[in-house]
Protein backbone atom coordinates (compact mmCIF):
# COMPACT_ATOMS: atom_id res chain seq x y z
CA MET A 1 -14.90 -71.65 32.52
CA GLN A 2 -12.27 -69.23 34.21
CA ARG A 3 -12.60 -68.91 37.86
CA GLY A 4 -14.44 -65.64 38.73
CA ILE A 5 -16.64 -65.37 35.66
CA LEU A 6 -20.34 -66.36 36.53
CA ASN A 7 -22.87 -68.08 34.19
CA VAL A 8 -25.49 -65.63 32.49
CA THR A 9 -29.16 -66.52 32.24
CA ARG A 10 -31.27 -64.99 29.54
CA THR A 11 -33.62 -62.85 30.87
CA ALA A 12 -36.25 -60.47 29.28
CA HIS A 13 -34.43 -57.30 29.79
CA PRO A 14 -30.94 -55.86 28.47
CA THR A 15 -27.63 -56.41 30.64
CA TYR A 16 -24.45 -55.33 30.66
CA ALA A 17 -21.13 -56.69 31.65
CA VAL A 18 -18.84 -55.10 34.79
CA VAL A 19 -15.59 -55.93 34.94
CA ARG A 20 -13.76 -55.92 38.76
CA PRO A 21 -10.37 -57.04 39.51
CA SER A 22 -11.57 -60.42 40.78
CA ARG A 23 -14.42 -61.15 38.97
CA LEU A 24 -16.83 -60.27 35.98
CA VAL A 25 -20.35 -59.44 36.77
CA HIS A 26 -23.46 -58.85 34.83
CA VAL A 27 -25.85 -56.47 36.06
CA GLN A 28 -29.45 -56.05 34.74
CA THR A 29 -31.00 -52.74 33.69
CA ARG A 30 -34.47 -51.83 33.41
CA ASN A 31 -36.08 -49.36 30.48
CA ALA A 32 -32.74 -48.56 28.71
CA SER A 33 -33.45 -46.06 25.97
CA THR A 34 -32.20 -46.61 22.58
CA TYR A 35 -31.98 -42.49 21.62
CA ASN A 36 -29.19 -41.22 20.63
CA PRO A 37 -28.78 -37.57 19.70
CA LEU A 38 -25.79 -38.20 17.20
CA ASN A 39 -27.73 -40.35 15.46
CA TRP A 40 -30.62 -37.75 14.97
CA LEU A 41 -28.11 -34.89 13.94
CA SER A 42 -26.58 -37.36 11.24
CA GLN A 43 -30.15 -38.19 10.18
CA LYS A 44 -30.80 -34.54 9.58
CA LEU A 45 -27.87 -33.07 8.71
CA THR A 46 -26.50 -35.16 6.20
CA ALA A 47 -25.51 -33.78 2.76
CA ALA A 48 -28.13 -36.59 1.26
CA ARG A 49 -30.84 -34.93 2.67
CA ARG A 50 -29.84 -31.49 1.56
CA GLU A 51 -29.26 -32.60 -1.96
CA LYS A 52 -32.85 -34.30 -2.08
CA GLU A 53 -34.50 -30.85 -1.40
CA SER A 54 -35.28 -29.24 -4.50
CA LYS A 55 -35.19 -25.08 -5.30
CA GLU A 56 -39.00 -24.89 -5.04
CA GLU A 57 -38.93 -26.63 -1.82
CA ILE A 58 -35.98 -23.93 -0.51
CA LEU A 59 -38.23 -21.06 -1.70
CA ALA A 60 -41.33 -22.37 -0.40
CA ALA A 61 -39.94 -23.06 3.08
CA LYS A 62 -38.15 -19.31 3.03
CA GLU A 63 -41.67 -18.02 2.15
CA GLU A 64 -43.16 -19.61 5.36
CA ALA A 65 -40.79 -18.45 7.37
CA ARG A 66 -41.03 -15.13 6.00
CA GLU A 67 -44.70 -15.00 6.78
CA GLU A 68 -44.07 -16.29 10.15
CA GLY A 69 -41.43 -13.43 10.93
CA GLN A 70 -38.70 -16.33 11.35
CA LEU A 71 -36.33 -14.97 8.68
CA SER A 72 -32.42 -15.10 9.60
CA LEU A 73 -30.49 -11.96 9.99
CA PHE A 74 -28.83 -12.11 6.34
CA GLU A 75 -32.23 -12.96 4.84
CA GLN A 76 -33.74 -10.17 6.42
CA THR A 77 -31.15 -7.50 4.95
CA LYS A 78 -31.60 -8.74 1.55
CA SER A 79 -35.35 -7.80 1.69
CA VAL A 80 -35.07 -4.66 3.26
CA VAL A 81 -32.40 -3.20 0.88
CA PRO A 82 -34.65 -3.01 -2.20
CA SER A 83 -37.52 -1.34 -0.12
CA ILE A 84 -34.95 1.47 0.64
CA LYS A 85 -33.67 1.99 -2.85
CA ASN A 86 -37.90 2.30 -3.96
CA THR A 87 -38.33 4.81 -1.19
CA THR A 88 -35.63 7.27 -2.53
CA THR A 89 -36.44 9.89 -4.91
CA PRO A 90 -34.23 10.63 -8.23
CA SER A 91 -33.89 14.40 -6.83
CA SER A 92 -32.39 13.16 -3.59
CA ILE A 93 -29.88 10.55 -5.35
CA ALA A 94 -28.49 13.06 -8.26
CA PRO A 95 -26.90 15.60 -5.37
CA LEU A 96 -25.04 12.72 -3.75
CA ALA A 97 -23.78 11.19 -7.01
CA ALA A 98 -22.78 14.85 -8.25
CA LYS A 99 -20.44 15.19 -5.11
CA LYS A 100 -19.05 11.77 -5.18
CA SER A 101 -18.19 12.05 -8.97
CA LYS A 102 -16.37 15.27 -7.99
CA THR A 103 -14.40 13.91 -5.23
CA SER A 104 -13.68 10.91 -7.02
CA ARG A 105 -11.83 12.97 -9.91
CA LYS A 106 -8.21 13.61 -9.02
CA PRO A 107 -5.94 15.66 -10.95
CA PRO A 108 -3.15 13.44 -12.43
CA PRO A 109 0.05 13.59 -10.29
CA VAL A 110 2.67 15.93 -11.88
CA LEU A 111 5.73 15.55 -9.40
CA HIS A 112 7.01 12.54 -7.06
CA LYS A 113 8.96 12.86 -3.77
CA TYR A 114 11.36 10.49 -2.10
CA SER A 115 14.23 10.29 0.24
CA THR A 116 16.62 7.93 2.12
CA THR A 117 16.79 6.93 5.64
CA TYR A 118 18.51 8.57 7.99
CA PHE A 119 22.21 7.42 8.00
CA LYS A 120 25.20 8.83 9.67
CA ILE A 121 26.79 11.39 7.74
CA SER A 122 27.30 15.28 8.25
CA PRO A 123 24.52 17.53 6.91
CA ARG A 124 26.93 19.90 5.60
CA LYS A 125 28.66 17.15 3.27
CA LEU A 126 25.48 15.93 2.32
CA ASN A 127 24.13 19.19 1.27
CA MET A 128 27.24 19.30 -1.34
CA LEU A 129 25.39 16.31 -3.12
CA GLY A 130 22.36 17.91 -3.01
CA ASN A 131 23.27 20.94 -4.29
CA GLN A 132 25.28 18.88 -7.26
CA ILE A 133 22.20 16.88 -8.68
CA SER A 134 19.75 19.82 -8.15
CA GLY A 135 18.03 20.90 -11.30
CA LYS A 136 19.74 18.12 -13.12
CA PRO A 137 17.90 15.51 -15.28
CA ILE A 138 17.58 12.57 -13.66
CA ASP A 139 19.96 11.00 -15.75
CA TYR A 140 22.73 13.09 -15.34
CA ALA A 141 22.16 13.23 -11.57
CA ILE A 142 22.27 9.57 -11.44
CA LEU A 143 25.70 9.52 -13.66
CA GLN A 144 26.88 12.61 -11.71
CA MET A 145 26.73 10.05 -8.43
CA GLN A 146 27.90 6.97 -10.48
CA PHE A 147 31.63 8.77 -10.71
CA SER A 148 31.61 10.80 -7.59
CA GLU A 149 34.40 9.88 -4.94
CA LYS A 150 32.15 11.17 -2.31
CA ARG A 151 31.41 7.89 0.39
CA ALA A 152 27.29 8.59 0.27
CA SER A 153 27.28 8.88 -3.17
CA LYS A 154 26.27 5.30 -3.94
CA ARG A 155 23.52 5.43 -1.51
CA ILE A 156 22.18 8.81 -3.39
CA MET A 157 22.38 7.14 -6.42
CA ASN A 158 20.36 3.95 -5.19
CA MET A 159 18.02 6.49 -4.11
CA LEU A 160 17.61 8.45 -7.42
CA ALA A 161 17.12 5.05 -9.57
CA THR A 162 14.49 3.75 -7.27
CA ALA A 163 12.49 7.35 -7.37
CA LYS A 164 12.86 7.10 -10.96
CA ASP A 165 11.66 3.94 -10.97
CA HIS A 166 8.78 4.51 -8.84
CA ALA A 167 7.83 7.53 -10.69
CA TYR A 168 7.10 6.00 -13.91
CA ARG A 169 5.51 2.43 -12.23
CA TYR A 170 2.90 4.65 -9.87
CA LYS A 171 2.93 8.20 -11.23
CA HIS A 172 2.83 7.69 -14.89
CA LEU A 173 5.86 10.22 -15.14
CA ASP A 174 7.80 10.23 -18.38
CA THR A 175 10.97 9.20 -17.52
CA SER A 176 12.64 11.17 -20.62
CA LYS A 177 11.23 14.51 -19.38
CA LEU A 178 12.14 14.00 -15.36
CA VAL A 179 14.31 16.26 -13.52
CA VAL A 180 15.41 16.73 -10.36
CA ALA A 181 13.39 19.95 -9.14
CA GLU A 182 14.33 20.21 -5.33
CA ALA A 183 16.93 18.61 -3.04
CA TRP A 184 17.11 19.19 0.79
CA VAL A 185 18.40 17.79 3.65
CA ASN A 186 17.26 17.23 6.71
CA LYS A 187 19.24 16.61 10.06
CA GLY A 188 18.52 13.66 12.28
CA LYS A 189 19.86 13.04 15.54
CA VAL A 190 23.03 13.83 17.00
CA LEU A 191 24.78 10.35 18.95
CA LYS A 192 27.25 11.76 21.70
CA ARG A 193 29.83 9.13 22.85
CA ILE A 194 32.94 9.37 25.18
CA GLU A 195 36.41 10.09 23.73
CA PRO A 196 39.13 9.42 25.90
CA ARG A 197 41.76 11.67 25.91
CA GLY A 198 45.29 11.60 27.59
CA ARG A 199 46.40 12.04 31.32
CA GLY A 200 43.03 10.71 32.33
CA HIS A 201 40.83 13.43 30.24
CA MET A 202 37.80 12.80 28.23
CA GLY A 203 36.08 14.45 25.59
CA ILE A 204 32.45 14.00 23.71
CA ARG A 205 32.48 12.79 20.13
CA LYS A 206 29.38 13.45 18.34
CA HIS A 207 28.30 11.23 15.60
CA LYS A 208 25.57 13.19 13.09
CA GLN A 209 22.99 11.88 11.05
CA ALA A 210 20.82 13.21 7.94
CA LYS A 211 18.61 12.41 5.49
CA MET A 212 18.21 13.50 1.61
CA HIS A 213 14.49 14.61 -0.03
CA VAL A 214 14.48 14.65 -4.03
CA VAL A 215 11.14 16.04 -5.94
CA LEU A 216 11.02 14.64 -9.65
CA LYS A 217 8.91 16.69 -12.01
CA GLU A 218 8.72 16.61 -15.88
CA GLY A 219 10.54 19.31 -17.40
CA LYS A 220 12.09 19.63 -20.83
CA SER A 221 14.39 16.83 -22.33
CA GLU A 222 17.42 17.26 -23.54
CA VAL A 223 16.02 18.02 -27.36
CA GLU A 224 13.81 20.42 -26.49
CA LYS A 225 16.12 22.33 -24.07
CA LYS A 226 18.95 22.30 -27.27
CA GLU A 227 16.36 23.52 -29.62
CA LYS A 228 15.37 26.18 -27.57
CA GLU A 229 18.93 27.55 -27.18
CA ARG A 230 19.45 27.05 -30.84
CA ALA A 231 16.33 28.96 -31.81
CA TYR A 232 17.42 31.87 -29.28
CA LYS A 233 21.09 32.19 -30.58
CA LEU A 234 19.75 32.27 -34.24
CA LYS A 235 17.66 35.12 -33.00
CA LYS A 236 20.65 36.99 -31.73
CA ILE A 237 22.56 36.87 -35.18
CA ILE A 238 22.76 40.34 -37.15
CA SER A 239 23.46 40.06 -40.83
CA ALA A 240 26.67 42.11 -42.26
CA ALA A 241 24.48 43.82 -45.00
CA VAL A 242 23.98 47.70 -46.16
CA ALA A 243 20.74 47.91 -44.76
CA ARG A 244 19.66 48.77 -41.64
CA GLU A 245 17.93 46.08 -39.96
CA ASP A 246 14.92 46.74 -37.73
CA LYS A 247 16.70 45.51 -34.32
CA PRO A 248 16.47 47.25 -30.81
CA ILE A 249 19.25 48.81 -29.49
CA ARG A 250 20.15 46.69 -26.01
CA ASN A 251 22.01 48.68 -23.67
CA PRO A 252 21.99 52.13 -25.08
CA GLY A 253 24.64 54.84 -23.67
CA ALA A 254 23.26 57.83 -21.72
CA MET A 255 24.76 60.25 -24.91
CA TRP A 256 25.51 59.79 -28.38
CA ALA A 257 28.19 58.01 -29.47
CA TRP A 258 30.10 60.68 -31.01
């Protein structure tokens, strides 16, 4: 035996050891309880116990809880919803269904609006590009911006290509008939900065911002436009025959021609 450790004698009660710096002492306890709450939780909430319970037992337990009025909140809502459905009459449901069907039906989209962000450019210069693409087919407008020498033309070209893709993907519009129906420019903030001048003077330099909006709509394709123009020109043709044709006189004079 080492120094500082006492001999332990067997007694009827359990003991435990107390360690101190100088020696080891066994203290005797009386009426020690063996109850452990963790053991009780492991026995009640183990997966094995849940697997042993059959569906019939679960239904029987829910029925007993329903009779005693001890159902959970989720079970109470499930039991209440069918009773509400049974109390409503078809005459009260029909107007609601009709209103819902009317509001749910939306007309198909006929246009797509898109715009750029504000960037550093004069609104007057950007408006020139807007006039250049307004009323043109989308492919022709993209082609114009591709070969334009303006600095902002690349940004407008990317915006038009993105608007064309979004119109086809989200609005299901026909890309072969898309036309830039409208194009306008909005002014942004004007940033003022100091501009140094000679002899201790200074001025104010203004940095302008602007953005462009476009509206894409379905119009006539190039083939349809050419056919319409050809039919119009054929209608104006007058044959050089001897017989007089029944054609209206356009822009008649105020007096006889002789």
